[in-house]
Amino acid sequence: MQAINDFILTAAGQPWVLLLVLACCLIDGFFPPIPSESVVVGLSAVAATADVPNPWLLMAVAALGAFSGDNLAYLIGRRVGTHRWSWQRGPRMQSAFRWAGAELGKRPASLILVARFIPIGRVAVNLTAGVTHYHHARFVGFTALSATLWAAYSVGIGLFFGQWFENNHFLGAVIAIVCAVGLGILVDLVINRIRGKVPVVERLKDPETQE
């Protein structure tokens, strides 16, 4: 375990780790299997006690990557559509695309902001916004805000939980990641329960659900 902690600490202090964060956050905007949240939360948990990487710099890089990825997905949707690749043509993804298209016409701001915190949700919304030619300048503005909030939230979660595991960076990172996922689901459930709506997570599981 000590060897793992030493490796994590050494890697966290390397300049290339921020390039890794940027790449993960960018690709995650249009390819959900990339675990950008886990990378950002895990590194910020290490930063809580080791001071590397710099939390503010980590937040800025994560926000830049997320913003770039979301807007790249918009451009892909505009150029390519939602039927080019096999993973897009599945019934679940096609239902998600149809749902995202309908919601963009009714509540674009809240949809784009909330979807950023849900891997499959942001991909569906980003691509659909491009396909439907949603106003690009507005999309840029909304994604700038959502990327900043997402980066601040992810780093904040890591810093909070990481501070309790000064001597075990690996365990601190794991617990911070698990808590971040759990809190994200909980916040979605609470907000939508208050608003009397079906949670976004459930909508993405069954996008044809009606309000």
N, C-alpha and C. Protein backbone atom coordinates (compact mmCIF):
# COMPACT_ATOMS: atom_id res chain seq x y z
N MET A 1 0.83 -1.21 0.00
CA MET A 1 0.00 0.00 0.00
C MET A 1 0.87 1.26 0.00
N GLN A 2 2.00 1.22 0.73
CA GLN A 2 2.87 2.38 0.77
C GLN A 2 3.44 2.68 -0.60
N ALA A 3 3.75 1.62 -1.36
CA ALA A 3 4.28 1.80 -2.72
C ALA A 3 3.25 2.50 -3.60
N ILE A 4 1.98 2.14 -3.44
CA ILE A 4 0.91 2.77 -4.22
C ILE A 4 0.79 4.24 -3.85
N ASN A 5 0.84 4.54 -2.56
CA ASN A 5 0.75 5.93 -2.10
C ASN A 5 1.93 6.76 -2.62
N ASP A 6 3.12 6.16 -2.61
CA ASP A 6 4.29 6.88 -3.10
C ASP A 6 4.17 7.16 -4.59
N PHE A 7 3.65 6.18 -5.34
CA PHE A 7 3.47 6.36 -6.78
C PHE A 7 2.46 7.46 -7.07
N ILE A 8 1.33 7.45 -6.34
CA ILE A 8 0.29 8.46 -6.55
C ILE A 8 0.84 9.85 -6.24
N LEU A 9 1.58 9.96 -5.15
CA LEU A 9 2.13 11.25 -4.76
C LEU A 9 3.14 11.76 -5.79
N THR A 10 3.98 10.86 -6.28
CA THR A 10 4.97 11.24 -7.29
C THR A 10 4.29 11.67 -8.59
N ALA A 11 3.30 10.88 -9.03
CA ALA A 11 2.59 11.19 -10.27
C ALA A 11 1.83 12.50 -10.17
N ALA A 12 1.23 12.76 -9.03
CA ALA A 12 0.43 13.98 -8.86
C ALA A 12 1.27 15.24 -8.98
N GLY A 13 2.56 15.12 -8.71
CA GLY A 13 3.42 16.29 -8.78
C GLY A 13 4.06 16.51 -10.14
N GLN A 14 3.77 15.64 -11.10
CA GLN A 14 4.36 15.77 -12.43
C GLN A 14 3.53 16.71 -13.32
N PRO A 15 4.21 17.50 -14.18
CA PRO A 15 3.49 18.43 -15.06
C PRO A 15 2.50 17.74 -16.00
N TRP A 16 2.83 16.50 -16.42
CA TRP A 16 1.98 15.83 -17.39
C TRP A 16 0.62 15.44 -16.82
N VAL A 17 0.50 15.43 -15.50
CA VAL A 17 -0.77 15.02 -14.92
C VAL A 17 -1.88 16.00 -15.28
N LEU A 18 -1.54 17.28 -15.42
CA LEU A 18 -2.54 18.27 -15.81
C LEU A 18 -2.94 18.09 -17.27
N LEU A 19 -2.00 17.64 -18.10
CA LEU A 19 -2.34 17.34 -19.49
C LEU A 19 -3.29 16.14 -19.56
N LEU A 20 -3.08 15.19 -18.65
CA LEU A 20 -3.98 14.04 -18.57
C LEU A 20 -5.38 14.49 -18.17
N VAL A 21 -5.47 15.39 -17.20
CA VAL A 21 -6.76 15.92 -16.77
C VAL A 21 -7.45 16.64 -17.93
N LEU A 22 -6.70 17.47 -18.64
CA LEU A 22 -7.26 18.20 -19.77
C LEU A 22 -7.79 17.24 -20.83
N ALA A 23 -7.02 16.22 -21.15
CA ALA A 23 -7.42 15.25 -22.17
C ALA A 23 -8.67 14.48 -21.75
N CYS A 24 -8.69 14.01 -20.49
CA CYS A 24 -9.84 13.24 -20.00
C CYS A 24 -11.11 14.08 -20.01
N CYS A 25 -11.02 15.31 -19.55
CA CYS A 25 -12.20 16.17 -19.48
C CYS A 25 -12.68 16.54 -20.88
N LEU A 26 -11.76 16.72 -21.81
CA LEU A 26 -12.13 17.06 -23.18
C LEU A 26 -12.84 15.89 -23.85
N ILE A 27 -12.23 14.71 -23.81
CA ILE A 27 -12.80 13.54 -24.47
C ILE A 27 -14.13 13.14 -23.85
N ASP A 28 -14.26 13.34 -22.53
CA ASP A 28 -15.48 12.97 -21.82
C ASP A 28 -16.70 13.75 -22.29
N GLY A 29 -16.47 14.85 -22.98
CA GLY A 29 -17.59 15.63 -23.49
C GLY A 29 -18.37 14.95 -24.58
N PHE A 30 -17.74 13.99 -25.27
CA PHE A 30 -18.43 13.28 -26.34
C PHE A 30 -18.23 11.77 -26.29
N PHE A 31 -17.49 11.28 -25.29
CA PHE A 31 -17.25 9.84 -25.15
C PHE A 31 -17.33 9.48 -23.68
N PRO A 32 -18.51 9.09 -23.18
CA PRO A 32 -18.76 8.92 -21.74
C PRO A 32 -17.90 7.92 -20.99
N PRO A 33 -17.32 6.86 -21.63
CA PRO A 33 -16.52 5.92 -20.83
C PRO A 33 -15.28 6.53 -20.17
N ILE A 34 -14.83 7.70 -20.65
CA ILE A 34 -13.66 8.32 -20.04
C ILE A 34 -14.04 8.89 -18.67
N PRO A 35 -13.40 8.44 -17.58
CA PRO A 35 -13.79 8.83 -16.21
C PRO A 35 -13.19 10.16 -15.75
N SER A 36 -13.61 11.26 -16.34
CA SER A 36 -13.00 12.55 -16.00
C SER A 36 -13.27 12.94 -14.55
N GLU A 37 -14.49 12.67 -14.05
CA GLU A 37 -14.79 13.00 -12.66
C GLU A 37 -13.84 12.29 -11.69
N SER A 38 -13.61 11.01 -11.95
CA SER A 38 -12.75 10.23 -11.06
C SER A 38 -11.33 10.79 -11.05
N VAL A 39 -10.84 11.20 -12.21
CA VAL A 39 -9.48 11.74 -12.30
C VAL A 39 -9.37 13.05 -11.52
N VAL A 40 -10.34 13.96 -11.72
CA VAL A 40 -10.31 15.26 -11.06
C VAL A 40 -10.50 15.14 -9.56
N VAL A 41 -11.50 14.36 -9.15
CA VAL A 41 -11.77 14.18 -7.72
C VAL A 41 -10.60 13.48 -7.03
N GLY A 42 -10.07 12.44 -7.68
CA GLY A 42 -8.96 11.71 -7.08
C GLY A 42 -7.72 12.57 -6.89
N LEU A 43 -7.38 13.36 -7.90
CA LEU A 43 -6.20 14.23 -7.79
C LEU A 43 -6.40 15.33 -6.76
N SER A 44 -7.61 15.87 -6.69
CA SER A 44 -7.86 16.92 -5.70
C SER A 44 -7.82 16.36 -4.28
N ALA A 45 -8.18 15.08 -4.13
CA ALA A 45 -8.09 14.44 -2.82
C ALA A 45 -6.63 14.33 -2.39
N VAL A 46 -5.76 14.06 -3.34
CA VAL A 46 -4.33 14.02 -3.04
C VAL A 46 -3.83 15.42 -2.70
N ALA A 47 -4.29 16.40 -3.47
CA ALA A 47 -3.86 17.79 -3.26
C ALA A 47 -4.26 18.32 -1.88
N ALA A 48 -5.29 17.74 -1.29
CA ALA A 48 -5.77 18.22 0.00
C ALA A 48 -4.70 18.13 1.08
N THR A 49 -3.83 17.13 0.97
CA THR A 49 -2.79 16.95 2.00
C THR A 49 -1.38 17.05 1.45
N ALA A 50 -1.22 16.83 0.14
CA ALA A 50 0.13 16.84 -0.44
C ALA A 50 0.45 18.13 -1.18
N ASP A 51 -0.57 18.96 -1.41
CA ASP A 51 -0.40 20.24 -2.10
C ASP A 51 0.02 20.10 -3.56
N VAL A 52 -0.09 18.91 -4.11
CA VAL A 52 0.15 18.71 -5.54
C VAL A 52 -0.94 17.78 -6.08
N PRO A 53 -1.49 18.11 -7.25
CA PRO A 53 -1.25 19.35 -8.01
C PRO A 53 -1.94 20.53 -7.34
N ASN A 54 -1.61 21.74 -7.79
CA ASN A 54 -2.23 22.93 -7.24
C ASN A 54 -3.73 22.89 -7.48
N PRO A 55 -4.57 22.96 -6.44
CA PRO A 55 -6.02 22.83 -6.61
C PRO A 55 -6.63 23.86 -7.56
N TRP A 56 -6.14 25.10 -7.50
CA TRP A 56 -6.69 26.14 -8.37
C TRP A 56 -6.35 25.86 -9.82
N LEU A 57 -5.13 25.42 -10.05
CA LEU A 57 -4.71 25.10 -11.42
C LEU A 57 -5.47 23.88 -11.92
N LEU A 58 -5.66 22.90 -11.04
CA LEU A 58 -6.42 21.70 -11.39
C LEU A 58 -7.84 22.07 -11.78
N MET A 59 -8.45 22.97 -11.01
CA MET A 59 -9.82 23.41 -11.29
C MET A 59 -9.89 24.12 -12.65
N ALA A 60 -8.92 24.98 -12.92
CA ALA A 60 -8.91 25.73 -14.18
C ALA A 60 -8.74 24.80 -15.37
N VAL A 61 -7.83 23.83 -15.25
CA VAL A 61 -7.60 22.89 -16.34
C VAL A 61 -8.82 22.00 -16.57
N ALA A 62 -9.44 21.54 -15.48
CA ALA A 62 -10.64 20.70 -15.60
C ALA A 62 -11.78 21.47 -16.25
N ALA A 63 -11.96 22.72 -15.86
CA ALA A 63 -13.02 23.55 -16.45
C ALA A 63 -12.76 23.78 -17.94
N LEU A 64 -11.50 24.06 -18.29
CA LEU A 64 -11.15 24.29 -19.70
C LEU A 64 -11.40 23.03 -20.52
N GLY A 65 -10.99 21.87 -19.98
CA GLY A 65 -11.20 20.62 -20.70
C GLY A 65 -12.68 20.30 -20.88
N ALA A 66 -13.46 20.49 -19.81
CA ALA A 66 -14.89 20.21 -19.88
C ALA A 66 -15.57 21.13 -20.88
N PHE A 67 -15.24 22.41 -20.82
CA PHE A 67 -15.83 23.38 -21.75
C PHE A 67 -15.47 23.03 -23.19
N SER A 68 -14.21 22.71 -23.44
CA SER A 68 -13.76 22.37 -24.79
C SER A 68 -14.43 21.09 -25.28
N GLY A 69 -14.54 20.08 -24.40
CA GLY A 69 -15.17 18.83 -24.78
C GLY A 69 -16.64 18.99 -25.12
N ASP A 70 -17.36 19.77 -24.32
CA ASP A 70 -18.77 19.99 -24.58
C ASP A 70 -18.99 20.69 -25.92
N ASN A 71 -18.16 21.66 -26.20
CA ASN A 71 -18.33 22.41 -27.45
C ASN A 71 -17.82 21.63 -28.66
N LEU A 72 -16.83 20.77 -28.45
CA LEU A 72 -16.41 19.90 -29.53
C LEU A 72 -17.53 18.92 -29.87
N ALA A 73 -18.22 18.42 -28.83
CA ALA A 73 -19.34 17.52 -29.05
C ALA A 73 -20.45 18.23 -29.82
N TYR A 74 -20.67 19.49 -29.51
CA TYR A 74 -21.68 20.29 -30.24
C TYR A 74 -21.34 20.32 -31.73
N LEU A 75 -20.07 20.57 -32.03
CA LEU A 75 -19.64 20.66 -33.43
C LEU A 75 -19.72 19.29 -34.12
N ILE A 76 -19.40 18.24 -33.36
CA ILE A 76 -19.53 16.88 -33.92
C ILE A 76 -20.99 16.59 -34.26
N GLY A 77 -21.88 16.95 -33.34
CA GLY A 77 -23.30 16.74 -33.60
C GLY A 77 -23.77 17.51 -34.82
N ARG A 78 -23.28 18.71 -34.97
CA ARG A 78 -23.69 19.56 -36.09
C ARG A 78 -23.19 19.01 -37.42
N ARG A 79 -21.97 18.45 -37.41
CA ARG A 79 -21.37 17.93 -38.63
C ARG A 79 -21.75 16.48 -38.92
N VAL A 80 -21.75 15.67 -37.89
CA VAL A 80 -21.90 14.22 -38.06
C VAL A 80 -23.32 13.73 -37.80
N GLY A 81 -24.01 14.32 -36.84
CA GLY A 81 -25.35 13.86 -36.50
C GLY A 81 -25.33 12.83 -35.39
N THR A 82 -26.40 12.11 -35.24
CA THR A 82 -26.51 11.13 -34.15
C THR A 82 -26.75 9.72 -34.66
N HIS A 83 -26.33 9.44 -35.91
CA HIS A 83 -26.50 8.10 -36.46
C HIS A 83 -25.23 7.55 -37.10
N ARG A 84 -24.14 8.31 -37.06
CA ARG A 84 -22.94 7.92 -37.78
C ARG A 84 -22.29 6.66 -37.19
N TRP A 85 -22.17 6.59 -35.85
CA TRP A 85 -21.47 5.47 -35.22
C TRP A 85 -22.47 4.50 -34.58
N SER A 86 -22.03 3.26 -34.46
CA SER A 86 -22.92 2.20 -33.98
C SER A 86 -23.42 2.48 -32.56
N TRP A 87 -22.57 3.05 -31.69
CA TRP A 87 -23.01 3.29 -30.32
C TRP A 87 -24.10 4.35 -30.25
N GLN A 88 -24.20 5.17 -31.29
CA GLN A 88 -25.24 6.19 -31.33
C GLN A 88 -26.58 5.61 -31.78
N ARG A 89 -26.54 4.52 -32.53
CA ARG A 89 -27.77 4.00 -33.16
C ARG A 89 -28.56 3.06 -32.27
N GLY A 90 -28.06 2.75 -31.09
CA GLY A 90 -28.80 1.88 -30.18
C GLY A 90 -30.10 2.54 -29.74
N PRO A 91 -31.12 1.76 -29.42
CA PRO A 91 -32.42 2.32 -29.03
C PRO A 91 -32.37 3.23 -27.81
N ARG A 92 -31.51 2.89 -26.85
CA ARG A 92 -31.43 3.71 -25.64
C ARG A 92 -30.82 5.08 -25.94
N MET A 93 -29.74 5.10 -26.72
CA MET A 93 -29.12 6.37 -27.06
C MET A 93 -30.03 7.20 -27.96
N GLN A 94 -30.71 6.54 -28.90
CA GLN A 94 -31.61 7.29 -29.77
C GLN A 94 -32.77 7.89 -28.98
N SER A 95 -33.26 7.17 -27.99
CA SER A 95 -34.30 7.71 -27.12
C SER A 95 -33.77 8.89 -26.32
N ALA A 96 -32.52 8.76 -25.85
CA ALA A 96 -31.90 9.85 -25.10
C ALA A 96 -31.74 11.09 -25.98
N PHE A 97 -31.38 10.88 -27.24
CA PHE A 97 -31.24 12.01 -28.17
C PHE A 97 -32.59 12.69 -28.40
N ARG A 98 -33.63 11.90 -28.57
CA ARG A 98 -34.97 12.48 -28.79
C ARG A 98 -35.43 13.25 -27.56
N TRP A 99 -35.18 12.68 -26.39
CA TRP A 99 -35.55 13.36 -25.15
C TRP A 99 -34.79 14.67 -25.00
N ALA A 100 -33.48 14.63 -25.27
CA ALA A 100 -32.66 15.84 -25.15
C ALA A 100 -33.14 16.92 -26.11
N GLY A 101 -33.51 16.51 -27.33
CA GLY A 101 -33.99 17.48 -28.31
C GLY A 101 -35.26 18.17 -27.84
N ALA A 102 -36.18 17.38 -27.24
CA ALA A 102 -37.43 17.96 -26.76
C ALA A 102 -37.19 18.89 -25.58
N GLU A 103 -36.29 18.49 -24.67
CA GLU A 103 -36.02 19.30 -23.49
C GLU A 103 -35.27 20.58 -23.82
N LEU A 104 -34.41 20.53 -24.83
CA LEU A 104 -33.68 21.74 -25.22
C LEU A 104 -34.61 22.85 -25.66
N GLY A 105 -35.74 22.46 -26.22
CA GLY A 105 -36.70 23.47 -26.65
C GLY A 105 -37.49 24.07 -25.51
N LYS A 106 -37.52 23.40 -24.35
CA LYS A 106 -38.33 23.87 -23.22
C LYS A 106 -37.50 24.53 -22.12
N ARG A 107 -36.38 23.92 -21.75
CA ARG A 107 -35.58 24.44 -20.63
C ARG A 107 -34.09 24.23 -20.91
N PRO A 108 -33.56 24.88 -21.91
CA PRO A 108 -32.17 24.66 -22.31
C PRO A 108 -31.15 24.96 -21.21
N ALA A 109 -31.33 26.05 -20.48
CA ALA A 109 -30.34 26.45 -19.47
C ALA A 109 -30.19 25.38 -18.39
N SER A 110 -31.28 24.99 -17.76
CA SER A 110 -31.21 24.01 -16.68
C SER A 110 -30.78 22.65 -17.21
N LEU A 111 -31.18 22.30 -18.42
CA LEU A 111 -30.80 21.01 -18.99
C LEU A 111 -29.29 20.93 -19.20
N ILE A 112 -28.72 21.95 -19.81
CA ILE A 112 -27.28 21.95 -20.09
C ILE A 112 -26.48 21.97 -18.79
N LEU A 113 -26.94 22.74 -17.80
CA LEU A 113 -26.23 22.82 -16.52
C LEU A 113 -26.27 21.50 -15.77
N VAL A 114 -27.43 20.88 -15.71
CA VAL A 114 -27.57 19.62 -14.96
C VAL A 114 -26.89 18.47 -15.71
N ALA A 115 -27.03 18.44 -17.03
CA ALA A 115 -26.48 17.34 -17.82
C ALA A 115 -24.96 17.24 -17.69
N ARG A 116 -24.28 18.35 -17.42
CA ARG A 116 -22.81 18.35 -17.29
C ARG A 116 -22.36 17.42 -16.17
N PHE A 117 -23.25 17.20 -15.17
CA PHE A 117 -22.89 16.37 -14.02
C PHE A 117 -23.24 14.90 -14.23
N ILE A 118 -23.79 14.56 -15.40
CA ILE A 118 -24.18 13.19 -15.69
C ILE A 118 -23.50 12.75 -16.99
N PRO A 119 -22.56 11.78 -16.94
CA PRO A 119 -21.79 11.40 -18.12
C PRO A 119 -22.60 11.16 -19.38
N ILE A 120 -23.58 10.27 -19.35
CA ILE A 120 -24.38 10.00 -20.54
C ILE A 120 -25.23 11.20 -20.89
N GLY A 121 -25.70 11.89 -19.87
CA GLY A 121 -26.57 13.05 -20.10
C GLY A 121 -25.87 14.15 -20.87
N ARG A 122 -24.65 14.47 -20.50
CA ARG A 122 -23.97 15.57 -21.19
C ARG A 122 -23.66 15.23 -22.64
N VAL A 123 -23.32 13.95 -22.91
CA VAL A 123 -23.04 13.55 -24.28
C VAL A 123 -24.29 13.68 -25.14
N ALA A 124 -25.41 13.18 -24.62
CA ALA A 124 -26.66 13.26 -25.38
C ALA A 124 -27.06 14.72 -25.63
N VAL A 125 -26.96 15.55 -24.61
CA VAL A 125 -27.35 16.96 -24.75
C VAL A 125 -26.41 17.71 -25.68
N ASN A 126 -25.10 17.49 -25.51
CA ASN A 126 -24.13 18.19 -26.35
C ASN A 126 -24.32 17.88 -27.83
N LEU A 127 -24.41 16.58 -28.15
CA LEU A 127 -24.57 16.18 -29.55
C LEU A 127 -25.90 16.65 -30.12
N THR A 128 -26.96 16.53 -29.31
CA THR A 128 -28.28 16.93 -29.78
C THR A 128 -28.35 18.43 -30.01
N ALA A 129 -27.69 19.21 -29.17
CA ALA A 129 -27.67 20.66 -29.36
C ALA A 129 -27.07 21.00 -30.71
N GLY A 130 -26.04 20.27 -31.11
CA GLY A 130 -25.43 20.51 -32.41
C GLY A 130 -26.32 20.07 -33.56
N VAL A 131 -26.93 18.90 -33.41
CA VAL A 131 -27.80 18.38 -34.46
C VAL A 131 -28.99 19.31 -34.72
N THR A 132 -29.57 19.82 -33.64
CA THR A 132 -30.75 20.68 -33.78
C THR A 132 -30.39 22.14 -34.05
N HIS A 133 -29.08 22.41 -34.19
CA HIS A 133 -28.60 23.78 -34.44
C HIS A 133 -29.06 24.75 -33.36
N TYR A 134 -28.99 24.28 -32.11
CA TYR A 134 -29.30 25.17 -31.00
C TYR A 134 -28.35 26.36 -31.05
N HIS A 135 -28.84 27.53 -30.70
CA HIS A 135 -28.06 28.77 -30.80
C HIS A 135 -26.66 28.59 -30.20
N HIS A 136 -25.63 28.68 -31.05
CA HIS A 136 -24.28 28.34 -30.62
C HIS A 136 -23.75 29.28 -29.53
N ALA A 137 -24.00 30.56 -29.68
CA ALA A 137 -23.48 31.51 -28.68
C ALA A 137 -24.07 31.22 -27.30
N ARG A 138 -25.36 30.89 -27.24
CA ARG A 138 -25.98 30.56 -25.95
C ARG A 138 -25.39 29.27 -25.39
N PHE A 139 -25.17 28.31 -26.28
CA PHE A 139 -24.59 27.05 -25.83
C PHE A 139 -23.20 27.28 -25.24
N VAL A 140 -22.42 28.11 -25.88
CA VAL A 140 -21.09 28.43 -25.37
C VAL A 140 -21.18 29.06 -23.98
N GLY A 141 -22.12 29.98 -23.82
CA GLY A 141 -22.29 30.63 -22.52
C GLY A 141 -22.72 29.67 -21.43
N PHE A 142 -23.69 28.81 -21.74
CA PHE A 142 -24.17 27.85 -20.76
C PHE A 142 -23.08 26.84 -20.39
N THR A 143 -22.32 26.37 -21.38
CA THR A 143 -21.29 25.38 -21.10
C THR A 143 -20.10 26.00 -20.36
N ALA A 144 -19.86 27.27 -20.56
CA ALA A 144 -18.80 27.94 -19.80
C ALA A 144 -19.16 27.93 -18.32
N LEU A 145 -20.42 28.22 -18.02
CA LEU A 145 -20.89 28.22 -16.63
C LEU A 145 -20.92 26.81 -16.06
N SER A 146 -21.47 25.86 -16.83
CA SER A 146 -21.60 24.49 -16.33
C SER A 146 -20.24 23.85 -16.11
N ALA A 147 -19.28 24.11 -17.00
CA ALA A 147 -17.94 23.54 -16.85
C ALA A 147 -17.25 24.09 -15.61
N THR A 148 -17.43 25.38 -15.36
CA THR A 148 -16.82 26.00 -14.18
C THR A 148 -17.42 25.43 -12.89
N LEU A 149 -18.74 25.31 -12.86
CA LEU A 149 -19.41 24.76 -11.67
C LEU A 149 -19.01 23.31 -11.46
N TRP A 150 -18.96 22.55 -12.53
CA TRP A 150 -18.59 21.13 -12.44
C TRP A 150 -17.17 20.97 -11.92
N ALA A 151 -16.24 21.77 -12.43
CA ALA A 151 -14.84 21.68 -12.00
C ALA A 151 -14.71 22.07 -10.53
N ALA A 152 -15.39 23.14 -10.13
CA ALA A 152 -15.33 23.59 -8.74
C ALA A 152 -15.92 22.54 -7.81
N TYR A 153 -17.02 21.95 -8.22
CA TYR A 153 -17.67 20.91 -7.42
C TYR A 153 -16.77 19.69 -7.27
N SER A 154 -16.18 19.23 -8.37
CA SER A 154 -15.35 18.04 -8.36
C SER A 154 -14.11 18.24 -7.49
N VAL A 155 -13.45 19.38 -7.65
CA VAL A 155 -12.25 19.67 -6.85
C VAL A 155 -12.63 19.85 -5.39
N GLY A 156 -13.74 20.53 -5.13
CA GLY A 156 -14.19 20.75 -3.76
C GLY A 156 -14.47 19.45 -3.02
N ILE A 157 -15.12 18.51 -3.70
CA ILE A 157 -15.40 17.21 -3.09
C ILE A 157 -14.11 16.49 -2.74
N GLY A 158 -13.17 16.51 -3.68
CA GLY A 158 -11.89 15.84 -3.43
C GLY A 158 -11.13 16.46 -2.27
N LEU A 159 -11.10 17.79 -2.21
CA LEU A 159 -10.39 18.48 -1.13
C LEU A 159 -11.02 18.18 0.23
N PHE A 160 -12.34 18.14 0.25
CA PHE A 160 -13.04 17.93 1.52
C PHE A 160 -12.75 16.54 2.09
N PHE A 161 -12.90 15.53 1.26
CA PHE A 161 -12.72 14.16 1.76
C PHE A 161 -11.25 13.76 1.84
N GLY A 162 -10.43 14.34 0.98
CA GLY A 162 -9.02 13.98 0.97
C GLY A 162 -8.27 14.42 2.20
N GLN A 163 -8.75 15.47 2.87
CA GLN A 163 -8.03 16.00 4.03
C GLN A 163 -8.02 15.03 5.21
N TRP A 164 -8.91 14.05 5.19
CA TRP A 164 -8.99 13.11 6.31
C TRP A 164 -8.05 11.92 6.13
N PHE A 165 -7.35 11.87 5.00
CA PHE A 165 -6.51 10.69 4.74
C PHE A 165 -5.10 11.13 4.34
N GLU A 166 -4.46 11.85 5.24
CA GLU A 166 -3.14 12.40 4.96
C GLU A 166 -2.09 11.32 4.72
N ASN A 167 -2.24 10.18 5.38
CA ASN A 167 -1.25 9.13 5.27
C ASN A 167 -1.63 8.01 4.30
N ASN A 168 -2.78 8.16 3.66
CA ASN A 168 -3.21 7.13 2.69
C ASN A 168 -3.90 7.82 1.53
N HIS A 169 -3.12 8.29 0.57
CA HIS A 169 -3.67 9.04 -0.56
C HIS A 169 -4.58 8.18 -1.43
N PHE A 170 -4.24 6.90 -1.55
CA PHE A 170 -5.06 6.01 -2.38
C PHE A 170 -6.46 5.87 -1.79
N LEU A 171 -6.53 5.59 -0.49
CA LEU A 171 -7.83 5.42 0.16
C LEU A 171 -8.61 6.73 0.13
N GLY A 172 -7.94 7.85 0.35
CA GLY A 172 -8.61 9.15 0.30
C GLY A 172 -9.21 9.43 -1.06
N ALA A 173 -8.46 9.09 -2.12
CA ALA A 173 -8.95 9.31 -3.48
C ALA A 173 -10.17 8.43 -3.77
N VAL A 174 -10.09 7.16 -3.36
CA VAL A 174 -11.20 6.23 -3.60
C VAL A 174 -12.47 6.68 -2.89
N ILE A 175 -12.34 7.04 -1.62
CA ILE A 175 -13.51 7.47 -0.86
C ILE A 175 -14.08 8.77 -1.42
N ALA A 176 -13.22 9.68 -1.82
CA ALA A 176 -13.69 10.94 -2.40
C ALA A 176 -14.46 10.69 -3.68
N ILE A 177 -13.98 9.78 -4.52
CA ILE A 177 -14.66 9.47 -5.78
C ILE A 177 -16.03 8.85 -5.51
N VAL A 178 -16.08 7.90 -4.58
CA VAL A 178 -17.35 7.24 -4.25
C VAL A 178 -18.35 8.26 -3.70
N CYS A 179 -17.88 9.14 -2.82
CA CYS A 179 -18.76 10.15 -2.24
C CYS A 179 -19.24 11.15 -3.30
N ALA A 180 -18.38 11.48 -4.24
CA ALA A 180 -18.76 12.42 -5.31
C ALA A 180 -19.88 11.83 -6.15
N VAL A 181 -19.76 10.56 -6.49
CA VAL A 181 -20.80 9.90 -7.28
C VAL A 181 -22.11 9.85 -6.49
N GLY A 182 -22.01 9.45 -5.22
CA GLY A 182 -23.20 9.37 -4.39
C GLY A 182 -23.88 10.71 -4.19
N LEU A 183 -23.09 11.75 -3.95
CA LEU A 183 -23.67 13.08 -3.75
C LEU A 183 -24.32 13.60 -5.02
N GLY A 184 -23.71 13.30 -6.16
CA GLY A 184 -24.29 13.74 -7.43
C GLY A 184 -25.67 13.15 -7.64
N ILE A 185 -25.81 11.86 -7.35
CA ILE A 185 -27.11 11.20 -7.49
C ILE A 185 -28.10 11.76 -6.47
N LEU A 186 -27.63 11.97 -5.24
CA LEU A 186 -28.51 12.48 -4.18
C LEU A 186 -29.02 13.88 -4.51
N VAL A 187 -28.12 14.75 -4.96
CA VAL A 187 -28.53 16.12 -5.31
C VAL A 187 -29.57 16.10 -6.42
N ASP A 188 -29.35 15.26 -7.43
CA ASP A 188 -30.30 15.16 -8.53
C ASP A 188 -31.67 14.71 -8.04
N LEU A 189 -31.69 13.72 -7.15
CA LEU A 189 -32.94 13.20 -6.61
C LEU A 189 -33.67 14.26 -5.78
N VAL A 190 -32.93 14.97 -4.92
CA VAL A 190 -33.53 15.97 -4.05
C VAL A 190 -34.11 17.13 -4.85
N ILE A 191 -33.32 17.66 -5.78
CA ILE A 191 -33.77 18.81 -6.57
C ILE A 191 -35.02 18.47 -7.36
N ASN A 192 -35.01 17.31 -8.00
CA ASN A 192 -36.15 16.94 -8.82
C ASN A 192 -37.35 16.51 -7.98
N ARG A 193 -37.11 16.02 -6.76
CA ARG A 193 -38.23 15.70 -5.86
C ARG A 193 -38.93 16.98 -5.45
N ILE A 194 -38.13 18.01 -5.16
CA ILE A 194 -38.70 19.30 -4.77
C ILE A 194 -39.50 19.90 -5.93
N ARG A 195 -38.96 19.76 -7.14
CA ARG A 195 -39.62 20.35 -8.31
C ARG A 195 -40.73 19.46 -8.83
N GLY A 196 -40.87 18.25 -8.24
CA GLY A 196 -41.94 17.35 -8.67
C GLY A 196 -41.70 16.75 -10.03
N LYS A 197 -40.40 16.55 -10.38
CA LYS A 197 -40.07 16.02 -11.69
C LYS A 197 -39.36 14.69 -11.55
N VAL A 198 -39.34 13.94 -12.65
CA VAL A 198 -38.60 12.69 -12.67
C VAL A 198 -37.12 13.03 -12.72
N PRO A 199 -36.29 12.46 -11.84
CA PRO A 199 -34.87 12.77 -11.83
C PRO A 199 -34.22 12.56 -13.18
N VAL A 200 -33.23 13.38 -13.48
CA VAL A 200 -32.54 13.29 -14.76
C VAL A 200 -31.93 11.92 -14.96
N VAL A 201 -31.39 11.33 -13.88
CA VAL A 201 -30.80 10.00 -13.98
C VAL A 201 -31.83 9.00 -14.48
N GLU A 202 -33.05 9.08 -13.93
CA GLU A 202 -34.10 8.16 -14.33
C GLU A 202 -34.55 8.44 -15.75
N ARG A 203 -34.57 9.71 -16.14
CA ARG A 203 -34.96 10.06 -17.50
C ARG A 203 -33.99 9.45 -18.51
N LEU A 204 -32.72 9.44 -18.14
CA LEU A 204 -31.73 8.89 -19.06
C LEU A 204 -31.79 7.38 -19.10
N LYS A 205 -32.27 6.78 -18.04
CA LYS A 205 -32.49 5.33 -18.07
C LYS A 205 -33.70 5.00 -18.93
N ASP A 206 -34.71 5.84 -18.85
CA ASP A 206 -35.93 5.65 -19.64
C ASP A 206 -36.32 7.01 -20.21
N PRO A 207 -35.66 7.49 -21.28
CA PRO A 207 -35.85 8.83 -21.79
C PRO A 207 -37.25 9.16 -22.27
N GLU A 208 -38.09 8.14 -22.45
CA GLU A 208 -39.45 8.40 -22.93
C GLU A 208 -40.42 8.67 -21.79
N THR A 209 -39.89 8.69 -20.55
CA THR A 209 -40.73 8.97 -19.39
C THR A 209 -41.36 10.34 -19.52
N GLN A 210 -42.58 10.46 -19.22
CA GLN A 210 -43.28 11.74 -19.30
C GLN A 210 -43.33 12.38 -17.94
N GLU A 211 -43.38 13.72 -17.94
CA GLU A 211 -43.49 14.43 -16.67
C GLU A 211 -44.94 14.37 -16.19
